[in-house]
PDB file of N, CA and C in Angstrom:
ATOM      1  N   MET A   1     -59.098   0.546 -48.911  1.00  0.00           N
ATOM      2  CA  MET A   1     -58.266   1.509 -48.220  1.00  0.00           C
ATOM      3  C   MET A   1     -56.836   1.480 -48.761  1.00  0.00           C
ATOM      4  N   LYS A   2     -56.310   0.275 -49.023  1.00  0.00           N
ATOM      5  CA  LYS A   2     -54.959   0.163 -49.558  1.00  0.00           C
ATOM      6  C   LYS A   2     -54.872   0.788 -50.946  1.00  0.00           C
ATOM      7  N   ALA A   3     -55.929   0.626 -51.745  1.00  0.00           N
ATOM      8  CA  ALA A   3     -55.935   1.201 -53.096  1.00  0.00           C
ATOM      9  C   ALA A   3     -55.891   2.722 -53.025  1.00  0.00           C
ATOM     10  N   LEU A   4     -56.655   3.319 -52.120  1.00  0.00           N
ATOM     11  CA  LEU A   4     -56.665   4.774 -51.967  1.00  0.00           C
ATOM     12  C   LEU A   4     -55.298   5.271 -51.511  1.00  0.00           C
ATOM     13  N   LEU A   5     -54.692   4.566 -50.589  1.00  0.00           N
ATOM     14  CA  LEU A   5     -53.365   4.937 -50.106  1.00  0.00           C
ATOM     15  C   LEU A   5     -52.337   4.846 -51.231  1.00  0.00           C
ATOM     16  N   SER A   6     -52.429   3.819 -52.056  1.00  0.00           N
ATOM     17  CA  SER A   6     -51.510   3.663 -53.185  1.00  0.00           C
ATOM     18  C   SER A   6     -51.647   4.804 -54.175  1.00  0.00           C
ATOM     19  N   ILE A   7     -52.875   5.206 -54.457  1.00  0.00           N
ATOM     20  CA  ILE A   7     -53.117   6.314 -55.383  1.00  0.00           C
ATOM     21  C   ILE A   7     -52.553   7.609 -54.821  1.00  0.00           C
ATOM     22  N   LEU A   8     -52.778   7.857 -53.539  1.00  0.00           N
ATOM     23  CA  LEU A   8     -52.265   9.073 -52.917  1.00  0.00           C
ATOM     24  C   LEU A   8     -50.739   9.124 -52.926  1.00  0.00           C
ATOM     25  N   LEU A   9     -50.093   7.984 -52.810  1.00  0.00           N
ATOM     26  CA  LEU A   9     -48.634   7.940 -52.845  1.00  0.00           C
ATOM     27  C   LEU A   9     -48.095   8.164 -54.257  1.00  0.00           C
ATOM     28  N   LEU A  10     -48.857   7.816 -55.283  1.00  0.00           N
ATOM     29  CA  LEU A  10     -48.415   7.975 -56.666  1.00  0.00           C
ATOM     30  C   LEU A  10     -48.580   9.400 -57.187  1.00  0.00           C
ATOM     31  N   ILE A  11     -49.495  10.173 -56.618  1.00  0.00           N
ATOM     32  CA  ILE A  11     -49.770  11.522 -57.120  1.00  0.00           C
ATOM     33  C   ILE A  11     -48.521  12.400 -57.109  1.00  0.00           C
ATOM     34  N   PRO A  12     -47.738  12.501 -56.026  1.00  0.00           N
ATOM     35  CA  PRO A  12     -46.533  13.331 -56.077  1.00  0.00           C
ATOM     36  C   PRO A  12     -45.532  12.840 -57.117  1.00  0.00           C
ATOM     37  N   THR A  13     -45.437  11.542 -57.308  1.00  0.00           N
ATOM     38  CA  THR A  13     -44.526  10.984 -58.300  1.00  0.00           C
ATOM     39  C   THR A  13     -44.945  11.392 -59.694  1.00  0.00           C
ATOM     40  N   MET A  14     -46.244  11.355 -59.991  1.00  0.00           N
ATOM     41  CA  MET A  14     -46.728  11.731 -61.305  1.00  0.00           C
ATOM     42  C   MET A  14     -46.519  13.222 -61.542  1.00  0.00           C
ATOM     43  N   ALA A  15     -46.651  14.038 -60.524  1.00  0.00           N
ATOM     44  CA  ALA A  15     -46.469  15.482 -60.675  1.00  0.00           C
ATOM     45  C   ALA A  15     -45.019  15.831 -60.967  1.00  0.00           C
ATOM     46  N   MET A  16     -44.093  14.984 -60.568  1.00  0.00           N
ATOM     47  CA  MET A  16     -42.685  15.243 -60.771  1.00  0.00           C
ATOM     48  C   MET A  16     -42.145  14.585 -62.041  1.00  0.00           C
ATOM     49  N   ALA A  17     -43.030  14.117 -62.916  1.00  0.00           N
ATOM     50  CA  ALA A  17     -42.593  13.466 -64.142  1.00  0.00           C
ATOM     51  C   ALA A  17     -41.743  14.426 -64.960  1.00  0.00           C
ATOM     52  N   SER A  18     -40.743  13.875 -65.623  1.00  0.00           N
ATOM     53  CA  SER A  18     -39.856  14.736 -66.393  1.00  0.00           C
ATOM     54  C   SER A  18     -40.346  14.880 -67.828  1.00  0.00           C
ATOM     55  N   GLU A  19     -40.036  16.037 -68.415  1.00  0.00           N
ATOM     56  CA  GLU A  19     -40.366  16.335 -69.793  1.00  0.00           C
ATOM     57  C   GLU A  19     -39.092  16.784 -70.486  1.00  0.00           C
ATOM     58  N   GLY A  20     -39.014  16.537 -71.770  1.00  0.00           N
ATOM     59  CA  GLY A  20     -37.864  16.991 -72.532  1.00  0.00           C
ATOM     60  C   GLY A  20     -38.286  17.602 -73.850  1.00  0.00           C
ATOM     61  N   TYR A  21     -37.576  18.638 -74.260  1.00  0.00           N
ATOM     62  CA  TYR A  21     -37.850  19.334 -75.512  1.00  0.00           C
ATOM     63  C   TYR A  21     -36.540  19.595 -76.231  1.00  0.00           C
ATOM     64  N   GLU A  22     -36.573  19.460 -77.537  1.00  0.00           N
ATOM     65  CA  GLU A  22     -35.452  19.847 -78.379  1.00  0.00           C
ATOM     66  C   GLU A  22     -35.991  20.859 -79.372  1.00  0.00           C
ATOM     67  N   CYS A  23     -35.520  22.088 -79.283  1.00  0.00           N
ATOM     68  CA  CYS A  23     -36.092  23.191 -80.055  1.00  0.00           C
ATOM     69  C   CYS A  23     -35.040  23.852 -80.933  1.00  0.00           C
ATOM     70  N   HIS A  24     -35.507  24.451 -82.014  1.00  0.00           N
ATOM     71  CA  HIS A  24     -34.627  25.124 -82.961  1.00  0.00           C
ATOM     72  C   HIS A  24     -35.126  26.539 -83.199  1.00  0.00           C
ATOM     73  N   PHE A  25     -34.233  27.414 -83.632  1.00  0.00           N
ATOM     74  CA  PHE A  25     -34.614  28.782 -83.971  1.00  0.00           C
ATOM     75  C   PHE A  25     -33.863  29.227 -85.212  1.00  0.00           C
ATOM     76  N   ALA A  26     -34.414  30.228 -85.878  1.00  0.00           N
ATOM     77  CA  ALA A  26     -33.822  30.749 -87.109  1.00  0.00           C
ATOM     78  C   ALA A  26     -32.490  31.425 -86.791  1.00  0.00           C
ATOM     79  N   SER A  27     -31.467  31.032 -87.529  1.00  0.00           N
ATOM     80  CA  SER A  27     -30.132  31.554 -87.295  1.00  0.00           C
ATOM     81  C   SER A  27     -29.275  31.254 -88.520  1.00  0.00           C
ATOM     82  N   SER A  28     -28.175  31.956 -88.648  1.00  0.00           N
ATOM     83  CA  SER A  28     -27.253  31.666 -89.743  1.00  0.00           C
ATOM     84  C   SER A  28     -26.434  30.409 -89.456  1.00  0.00           C
ATOM     85  N   TYR A  29     -26.521  29.896 -88.236  1.00  0.00           N
ATOM     86  CA  TYR A  29     -25.857  28.647 -87.853  1.00  0.00           C
ATOM     87  C   TYR A  29     -26.910  27.545 -87.821  1.00  0.00           C
ATOM     88  N   ASN A  30     -26.741  26.528 -88.639  1.00  0.00           N
ATOM     89  CA  ASN A  30     -27.755  25.472 -88.749  1.00  0.00           C
ATOM     90  C   ASN A  30     -27.954  24.686 -87.461  1.00  0.00           C
ATOM     91  N   ALA A  31     -26.939  24.562 -86.651  1.00  0.00           N
ATOM     92  CA  ALA A  31     -27.026  23.726 -85.446  1.00  0.00           C
ATOM     93  C   ALA A  31     -27.595  24.466 -84.239  1.00  0.00           C
ATOM     94  N   ASP A  32     -27.915  25.748 -84.375  1.00  0.00           N
ATOM     95  CA  ASP A  32     -28.405  26.505 -83.230  1.00  0.00           C
ATOM     96  C   ASP A  32     -29.722  25.953 -82.717  1.00  0.00           C
ATOM     97  N   GLY A  33     -29.832  25.868 -81.408  1.00  0.00           N
ATOM     98  CA  GLY A  33     -31.048  25.368 -80.793  1.00  0.00           C
ATOM     99  C   GLY A  33     -30.888  25.267 -79.292  1.00  0.00           C
ATOM    100  N   VAL A  34     -31.882  24.652 -78.684  1.00  0.00           N
ATOM    101  CA  VAL A  34     -31.878  24.520 -77.236  1.00  0.00           C
ATOM    102  C   VAL A  34     -32.498  23.172 -76.863  1.00  0.00           C
ATOM    103  N   LYS A  35     -31.898  22.515 -75.882  1.00  0.00           N
ATOM    104  CA  LYS A  35     -32.442  21.272 -75.325  1.00  0.00           C
ATOM    105  C   LYS A  35     -32.859  21.569 -73.894  1.00  0.00           C
ATOM    106  N   ILE A  36     -34.080  21.169 -73.569  1.00  0.00           N
ATOM    107  CA  ILE A  36     -34.641  21.462 -72.256  1.00  0.00           C
ATOM    108  C   ILE A  36     -35.073  20.162 -71.603  1.00  0.00           C
ATOM    109  N   ASP A  37     -34.602  19.913 -70.399  1.00  0.00           N
ATOM    110  CA  ASP A  37     -35.040  18.773 -69.591  1.00  0.00           C
ATOM    111  C   ASP A  37     -35.662  19.318 -68.319  1.00  0.00           C
ATOM    112  N   ILE A  38     -36.958  19.046 -68.149  1.00  0.00           N
ATOM    113  CA  ILE A  38     -37.690  19.560 -66.993  1.00  0.00           C
ATOM    114  C   ILE A  38     -38.003  18.410 -66.056  1.00  0.00           C
ATOM    115  N   ASN A  39     -37.699  18.613 -64.791  1.00  0.00           N
ATOM    116  CA  ASN A  39     -37.996  17.620 -63.770  1.00  0.00           C
ATOM    117  C   ASN A  39     -38.608  18.350 -62.577  1.00  0.00           C
ATOM    118  N   GLY A  40     -39.933  18.360 -62.530  1.00  0.00           N
ATOM    119  CA  GLY A  40     -40.620  19.060 -61.451  1.00  0.00           C
ATOM    120  C   GLY A  40     -40.503  20.557 -61.603  1.00  0.00           C
ATOM    121  N   GLN A  41     -39.993  21.223 -60.572  1.00  0.00           N
ATOM    122  CA  GLN A  41     -39.875  22.682 -60.578  1.00  0.00           C
ATOM    123  C   GLN A  41     -38.523  23.167 -61.088  1.00  0.00           C
ATOM    124  N   PHE A  42     -37.673  22.247 -61.515  1.00  0.00           N
ATOM    125  CA  PHE A  42     -36.350  22.626 -61.991  1.00  0.00           C
ATOM    126  C   PHE A  42     -36.116  22.068 -63.387  1.00  0.00           C
ATOM    127  N   SER A  43     -35.203  22.705 -64.106  1.00  0.00           N
ATOM    128  CA  SER A  43     -34.867  22.237 -65.440  1.00  0.00           C
ATOM    129  C   SER A  43     -33.383  22.429 -65.703  1.00  0.00           C
ATOM    130  N   GLN A  44     -32.897  21.686 -66.684  1.00  0.00           N
ATOM    131  CA  GLN A  44     -31.547  21.849 -67.193  1.00  0.00           C
ATOM    132  C   GLN A  44     -31.683  22.265 -68.646  1.00  0.00           C
ATOM    133  N   VAL A  45     -30.860  23.200 -69.061  1.00  0.00           N
ATOM    134  CA  VAL A  45     -30.952  23.737 -70.410  1.00  0.00           C
ATOM    135  C   VAL A  45     -29.573  23.720 -71.052  1.00  0.00           C
ATOM    136  N   GLU A  46     -29.531  23.261 -72.302  1.00  0.00           N
ATOM    137  CA  GLU A  46     -28.316  23.335 -73.104  1.00  0.00           C
ATOM    138  C   GLU A  46     -28.627  24.235 -74.294  1.00  0.00           C
ATOM    139  N   LEU A  47     -27.922  25.342 -74.408  1.00  0.00           N
ATOM    140  CA  LEU A  47     -28.106  26.293 -75.495  1.00  0.00           C
ATOM    141  C   LEU A  47     -26.936  26.176 -76.457  1.00  0.00           C
ATOM    142  N   ILE A  48     -27.240  26.031 -77.734  1.00  0.00           N
ATOM    143  CA  ILE A  48     -26.216  26.072 -78.772  1.00  0.00           C
ATOM    144  C   ILE A  48     -26.512  27.318 -79.604  1.00  0.00           C
ATOM    145  N   HIS A  49     -25.599  28.284 -79.545  1.00  0.00           N
ATOM    146  CA  HIS A  49     -25.791  29.560 -80.236  1.00  0.00           C
ATOM    147  C   HIS A  49     -24.453  30.035 -80.788  1.00  0.00           C
ATOM    148  N   LYS A  50     -24.408  30.290 -82.075  1.00  0.00           N
ATOM    149  CA  LYS A  50     -23.192  30.721 -82.771  1.00  0.00           C
ATOM    150  C   LYS A  50     -22.062  29.723 -82.584  1.00  0.00           C
ATOM    151  N   GLY A  51     -22.422  28.429 -82.592  1.00  0.00           N
ATOM    152  CA  GLY A  51     -21.425  27.374 -82.484  1.00  0.00           C
ATOM    153  C   GLY A  51     -20.899  27.125 -81.086  1.00  0.00           C
ATOM    154  N   LYS A  52     -21.406  27.838 -80.091  1.00  0.00           N
ATOM    155  CA  LYS A  52     -20.951  27.656 -78.714  1.00  0.00           C
ATOM    156  C   LYS A  52     -22.052  27.028 -77.873  1.00  0.00           C
ATOM    157  N   LYS A  53     -21.654  26.144 -76.950  1.00  0.00           N
ATOM    158  CA  LYS A  53     -22.609  25.505 -76.051  1.00  0.00           C
ATOM    159  C   LYS A  53     -22.561  26.161 -74.677  1.00  0.00           C
ATOM    160  N   SER A  54     -23.736  26.426 -74.143  1.00  0.00           N
ATOM    161  CA  SER A  54     -23.858  26.936 -72.773  1.00  0.00           C
ATOM    162  C   SER A  54     -24.786  26.007 -72.019  1.00  0.00           C
ATOM    163  N   PHE A  55     -24.423  25.661 -70.797  1.00  0.00           N
ATOM    164  CA  PHE A  55     -25.225  24.764 -69.978  1.00  0.00           C
ATOM    165  C   PHE A  55     -25.743  25.510 -68.757  1.00  0.00           C
ATOM    166  N   TYR A  56     -27.001  25.306 -68.456  1.00  0.00           N
ATOM    167  CA  TYR A  56     -27.618  25.906 -67.282  1.00  0.00           C
ATOM    168  C   TYR A  56     -28.294  24.792 -66.488  1.00  0.00           C
ATOM    169  N   LYS A  57     -27.963  24.714 -65.220  1.00  0.00           N
ATOM    170  CA  LYS A  57     -28.552  23.700 -64.339  1.00  0.00           C
ATOM    171  C   LYS A  57     -29.370  24.396 -63.264  1.00  0.00           C
ATOM    172  N   LYS A  58     -30.344  23.697 -62.758  1.00  0.00           N
ATOM    173  CA  LYS A  58     -31.215  24.191 -61.692  1.00  0.00           C
ATOM    174  C   LYS A  58     -31.931  25.492 -62.070  1.00  0.00           C
ATOM    175  N   CYS A  59     -32.388  25.553 -63.298  1.00  0.00           N
ATOM    176  CA  CYS A  59     -33.232  26.671 -63.704  1.00  0.00           C
ATOM    177  C   CYS A  59     -34.616  26.441 -63.110  1.00  0.00           C
ATOM    178  N   LYS A  60     -35.319  27.506 -62.809  1.00  0.00           N
ATOM    179  CA  LYS A  60     -36.662  27.385 -62.263  1.00  0.00           C
ATOM    180  C   LYS A  60     -37.644  27.165 -63.408  1.00  0.00           C
ATOM    181  N   ALA A  61     -38.556  26.217 -63.236  1.00  0.00           N
ATOM    182  CA  ALA A  61     -39.594  25.935 -64.225  1.00  0.00           C
ATOM    183  C   ALA A  61     -40.949  26.183 -63.572  1.00  0.00           C
ATOM    184  N   GLU A  62     -41.692  27.151 -64.098  1.00  0.00           N
ATOM    185  CA  GLU A  62     -42.993  27.507 -63.535  1.00  0.00           C
ATOM    186  C   GLU A  62     -44.046  27.504 -64.626  1.00  0.00           C
ATOM    187  N   LYS A  63     -45.164  26.869 -64.346  1.00  0.00           N
ATOM    188  CA  LYS A  63     -46.275  26.848 -65.287  1.00  0.00           C
ATOM    189  C   LYS A  63     -47.258  27.942 -64.891  1.00  0.00           C
ATOM    190  N   ASP A  64     -47.723  28.705 -65.902  1.00  0.00           N
ATOM    191  CA  ASP A  64     -48.713  29.742 -65.646  1.00  0.00           C
ATOM    192  C   ASP A  64     -49.735  29.755 -66.779  1.00  0.00           C
ATOM    193  N   ASP A  65     -50.548  30.806 -66.853  1.00  0.00           N
ATOM    194  CA  ASP A  65     -51.598  30.885 -67.870  1.00  0.00           C
ATOM    195  C   ASP A  65     -51.052  30.973 -69.288  1.00  0.00           C
ATOM    196  N   PHE A  66     -49.825  31.436 -69.459  1.00  0.00           N
ATOM    197  CA  PHE A  66     -49.248  31.618 -70.787  1.00  0.00           C
ATOM    198  C   PHE A  66     -48.437  30.427 -71.248  1.00  0.00           C
ATOM    199  N   GLY A  67     -48.110  29.520 -70.363  1.00  0.00           N
ATOM    200  CA  GLY A  67     -47.313  28.357 -70.719  1.00  0.00           C
ATOM    201  C   GLY A  67     -46.321  28.034 -69.624  1.00  0.00           C
ATOM    202  N   LEU A  68     -45.150  27.647 -70.031  1.00  0.00           N
ATOM    203  CA  LEU A  68     -44.101  27.218 -69.115  1.00  0.00           C
ATOM    204  C   LEU A  68     -42.958  28.220 -69.180  1.00  0.00           C
ATOM    205  N   LEU A  69     -42.611  28.821 -68.054  1.00  0.00           N
ATOM    206  CA  LEU A  69     -41.511  29.776 -67.974  1.00  0.00           C
ATOM    207  C   LEU A  69     -40.317  29.077 -67.352  1.00  0.00           C
ATOM    208  N   ILE A  70     -39.207  29.075 -68.076  1.00  0.00           N
ATOM    209  CA  ILE A  70     -37.966  28.498 -67.583  1.00  0.00           C
ATOM    210  C   ILE A  70     -37.005  29.661 -67.375  1.00  0.00           C
ATOM    211  N   ASP A  71     -36.658  29.900 -66.133  1.00  0.00           N
ATOM    212  CA  ASP A  71     -35.853  31.058 -65.756  1.00  0.00           C
ATOM    213  C   ASP A  71     -34.481  30.598 -65.284  1.00  0.00           C
ATOM    214  N   CYS A  72     -33.470  30.915 -66.077  1.00  0.00           N
ATOM    215  CA  CYS A  72     -32.090  30.561 -65.739  1.00  0.00           C
ATOM    216  C   CYS A  72     -31.299  31.790 -65.299  1.00  0.00           C
ATOM    217  N   THR A  73     -31.985  32.861 -64.952  1.00  0.00           N
ATOM    218  CA  THR A  73     -31.339  34.101 -64.547  1.00  0.00           C
ATOM    219  C   THR A  73     -30.678  33.916 -63.185  1.00  0.00           C
ATOM    220  N   GLN A  74     -29.361  34.131 -63.158  1.00  0.00           N
ATOM    221  CA  GLN A  74     -28.599  34.035 -61.918  1.00  0.00           C
ATOM    222  C   GLN A  74     -27.432  34.998 -62.013  1.00  0.00           C
ATOM    223  N   GLY A  75     -27.262  35.827 -61.027  1.00  0.00           N
ATOM    224  CA  GLY A  75     -26.157  36.775 -61.041  1.00  0.00           C
ATOM    225  C   GLY A  75     -26.233  37.690 -62.249  1.00  0.00           C
ATOM    226  N   LEU A  76     -25.174  37.716 -63.044  1.00  0.00           N
ATOM    227  CA  LEU A  76     -25.132  38.548 -64.240  1.00  0.00           C
ATOM    228  C   LEU A  76     -25.732  37.860 -65.460  1.00  0.00           C
ATOM    229  N   THR A  77     -26.080  36.581 -65.344  1.00  0.00           N
ATOM    230  CA  THR A  77     -26.643  35.827 -66.458  1.00  0.00           C
ATOM    231  C   THR A  77     -28.141  36.081 -66.564  1.00  0.00           C
ATOM    232  N   ASP A  78     -28.568  36.483 -67.752  1.00  0.00           N
ATOM    233  CA  ASP A  78     -29.978  36.739 -68.038  1.00  0.00           C
ATOM    234  C   ASP A  78     -30.403  35.800 -69.162  1.00  0.00           C
ATOM    235  N   PHE A  79     -31.215  34.788 -68.838  1.00  0.00           N
ATOM    236  CA  PHE A  79     -31.605  33.796 -69.834  1.00  0.00           C
ATOM    237  C   PHE A  79     -32.940  33.175 -69.417  1.00  0.00           C
ATOM    238  N   MET A  80     -33.969  33.385 -70.245  1.00  0.00           N
ATOM    239  CA  MET A  80     -35.290  32.837 -69.954  1.00  0.00           C
ATOM    240  C   MET A  80     -35.906  32.262 -71.224  1.00  0.00           C
ATOM    241  N   ILE A  81     -36.749  31.255 -71.028  1.00  0.00           N
ATOM    242  CA  ILE A  81     -37.488  30.631 -72.129  1.00  0.00           C
ATOM    243  C   ILE A  81     -38.952  30.591 -71.732  1.00  0.00           C
ATOM    244  N   LEU A  82     -39.809  31.033 -72.633  1.00  0.00           N
ATOM    245  CA  LEU A  82     -41.253  30.896 -72.448  1.00  0.00           C
ATOM    246  C   LEU A  82     -41.726  29.897 -73.491  1.00  0.00           C
ATOM    247  N   LEU A  83     -42.351  28.820 -73.032  1.00  0.00           N
ATOM    248  CA  LEU A  83     -42.715  27.718 -73.908  1.00  0.00           C
ATOM    249  C   LEU A  83     -44.192  27.393 -73.755  1.00  0.00           C
ATOM    250  N   ASN A  84     -44.912  27.372 -74.863  1.00  0.00           N
ATOM    251  CA  ASN A  84     -46.304  26.936 -74.848  1.00  0.00           C
ATOM    252  C   ASN A  84     -46.294  25.440 -75.141  1.00  0.00           C
ATOM    253  N   ASN A  85     -46.408  24.635 -74.104  1.00  0.00           N
ATOM    254  CA  ASN A  85     -46.358  23.184 -74.270  1.00  0.00           C
ATOM    255  C   ASN A  85     -47.751  22.563 -74.330  1.00  0.00           C
ATOM    256  N   GLU A  86     -48.782  23.391 -74.431  1.00  0.00           N
ATOM    257  CA  GLU A  86     -50.153  22.887 -74.554  1.00  0.00           C
ATOM    258  C   GLU A  86     -50.489  22.572 -76.001  1.00  0.00           C
ATOM    259  N   VAL A  87     -49.694  23.041 -76.944  1.00  0.00           N
ATOM    260  CA  VAL A  87     -49.896  22.768 -78.366  1.00  0.00           C
ATOM    261  C   VAL A  87     -48.784  21.838 -78.833  1.00  0.00           C
ATOM    262  N   ARG A  88     -49.055  21.136 -79.890  1.00  0.00           N
ATOM    263  CA  ARG A  88     -48.049  20.250 -80.477  1.00  0.00           C
ATOM    264  C   ARG A  88     -47.811  20.658 -81.902  1.00  0.00           C
ATOM    265  N   PRO A  89     -46.607  20.889 -82.327  1.00  0.00           N
ATOM    266  CA  PRO A  89     -45.405  20.882 -81.499  1.00  0.00           C
ATOM    267  C   PRO A  89     -45.335  22.121 -80.610  1.00  0.00           C
ATOM    268  N   ALA A  90     -44.635  21.986 -79.517  1.00  0.00           N
ATOM    269  CA  ALA A  90     -44.479  23.103 -78.582  1.00  0.00           C
ATOM    270  C   ALA A  90     -43.688  24.219 -79.257  1.00  0.00           C
ATOM    271  N   SER A  91     -43.970  25.451 -78.843  1.00  0.00           N
ATOM    272  CA  SER A  91     -43.247  26.597 -79.405  1.00  0.00           C
ATOM    273  C   SER A  91     -43.180  27.693 -78.351  1.00  0.00           C
ATOM    274  N   GLY A  92     -42.366  28.697 -78.612  1.00  0.00           N
ATOM    275  CA  GLY A  92     -42.238  29.797 -77.661  1.00  0.00           C
ATOM    276  C   GLY A  92     -41.143  30.736 -78.062  1.00  0.00           C
ATOM    277  N   GLY A  93     -40.384  31.199 -77.067  1.00  0.00           N
ATOM    278  CA  GLY A  93     -39.323  32.147 -77.353  1.00  0.00           C
ATOM    279  C   GLY A  93     -38.243  32.145 -76.304  1.00  0.00           C
ATOM    280  N   ILE A  94     -37.066  32.627 -76.717  1.00  0.00           N
ATOM    281  CA  ILE A  94     -35.923  32.792 -75.824  1.00  0.00           C
ATOM    282  C   ILE A  94     -35.677  34.282 -75.683  1.00  0.00           C
ATOM    283  N   MET A  95     -35.451  34.706 -74.448  1.00  0.00           N
ATOM    284  CA  MET A  95     -35.123  36.100 -74.162  1.00  0.00           C
ATOM    285  C   MET A  95     -33.843  36.122 -73.336  1.00  0.00           C
ATOM    286  N   SER A  96     -32.785  36.698 -73.897  1.00  0.00           N
ATOM    287  CA  SER A  96     -31.522  36.725 -73.178  1.00  0.00           C
ATOM    288  C   SER A  96     -30.671  37.891 -73.628  1.00  0.00           C
ATOM    289  N   SER A  97     -30.434  38.831 -72.715  1.00  0.00           N
ATOM    290  CA  SER A  97     -29.503  39.901 -73.040  1.00  0.00           C
ATOM    291  C   SER A  97     -28.062  39.400 -72.911  1.00  0.00           C
ATOM    292  N   THR A  98     -27.835  38.383 -72.093  1.00  0.00           N
ATOM    293  CA  THR A  98     -26.507  37.785 -71.947  1.00  0.00           C
ATOM    294  C   THR A  98     -26.004  37.250 -73.281  1.00  0.00           C
ATOM    295  N   HIS A  99     -26.867  36.559 -74.013  1.00  0.00           N
ATOM    296  CA  HIS A  99     -26.490  35.975 -75.301  1.00  0.00           C
ATOM    297  C   HIS A  99     -26.914  36.854 -76.478  1.00  0.00           C
ATOM    298  N   ASP A 100     -27.484  38.021 -76.193  1.00  0.00           N
ATOM    299  CA  ASP A 100     -28.030  38.900 -77.226  1.00  0.00           C
ATOM    300  C   ASP A 100     -28.934  38.081 -78.152  1.00  0.00           C
ATOM    301  N   LEU A 101     -29.898  37.406 -77.537  1.00  0.00           N
ATOM    302  CA  LEU A 101     -30.743  36.453 -78.252  1.00  0.00           C
ATOM    303  C   LEU A 101     -32.188  36.669 -77.868  1.00  0.00           C
ATOM    304  N   PHE A 102     -32.994  37.070 -78.839  1.00  0.00           N
ATOM    305  CA  PHE A 102     -34.427  37.269 -78.660  1.00  0.00           C
ATOM    306  C   PHE A 102     -35.089  36.645 -79.880  1.00  0.00           C
ATOM    307  N   VAL A 103     -35.402  35.333 -79.782  1.00  0.00           N
ATOM    308  CA  VAL A 103     -35.879  34.586 -80.945  1.00  0.00           C
ATOM    309  C   VAL A 103     -37.070  33.707 -80.595  1.00  0.00           C
ATOM    310  N   ASP A 104     -37.848  33.361 -81.623  1.00  0.00           N
ATOM    311  CA  ASP A 104     -38.920  32.373 -81.496  1.00  0.00           C
ATOM    312  C   ASP A 104     -38.299  30.998 -81.659  1.00  0.00           C
ATOM    313  N   ILE A 105     -38.854  30.024 -80.921  1.00  0.00           N
ATOM    314  CA  ILE A 105     -38.358  28.650 -81.028  1.00  0.00           C
ATOM    315  C   ILE A 105     -39.504  27.714 -81.378  1.00  0.00           C
ATOM    316  N   ASP A 106     -39.170  26.676 -82.115  1.00  0.00           N
ATOM    317  CA  ASP A 106     -40.103  25.603 -82.452  1.00  0.00           C
ATOM    318  C   ASP A 106     -39.485  24.294 -81.997  1.00  0.00           C
ATOM    319  N   CYS A 107     -40.278  23.488 -81.321  1.00  0.00           N
ATOM    320  CA  CYS A 107     -39.767  22.226 -80.760  1.00  0.00           C
ATOM    321  C   CYS A 107     -40.300  21.033 -81.561  1.00  0.00           C
TER     322      CYS A 107
END
């Protein structure tokens, strides 16, 4: 009985495990890319684009049939990442009218 209780207590902890990705995209700036830290249903994203860094906290992270959708859209900011993390290396795309950025990414 204690073993079953221990397993049941560990399941939520395992579901909230964090994942991290460091991805790059084709650009005239060599350092352009994105760092993604996912913790449960939320993520933090650091975007480096045209030599500028943008940070997004508390982005929504949702898994669906197509992969992992990270939605940082808030107010006037439009920034989303679709990531297929079922393949290695992970890949996907960034869609953002805020940054005028619609690119494929490789992690």
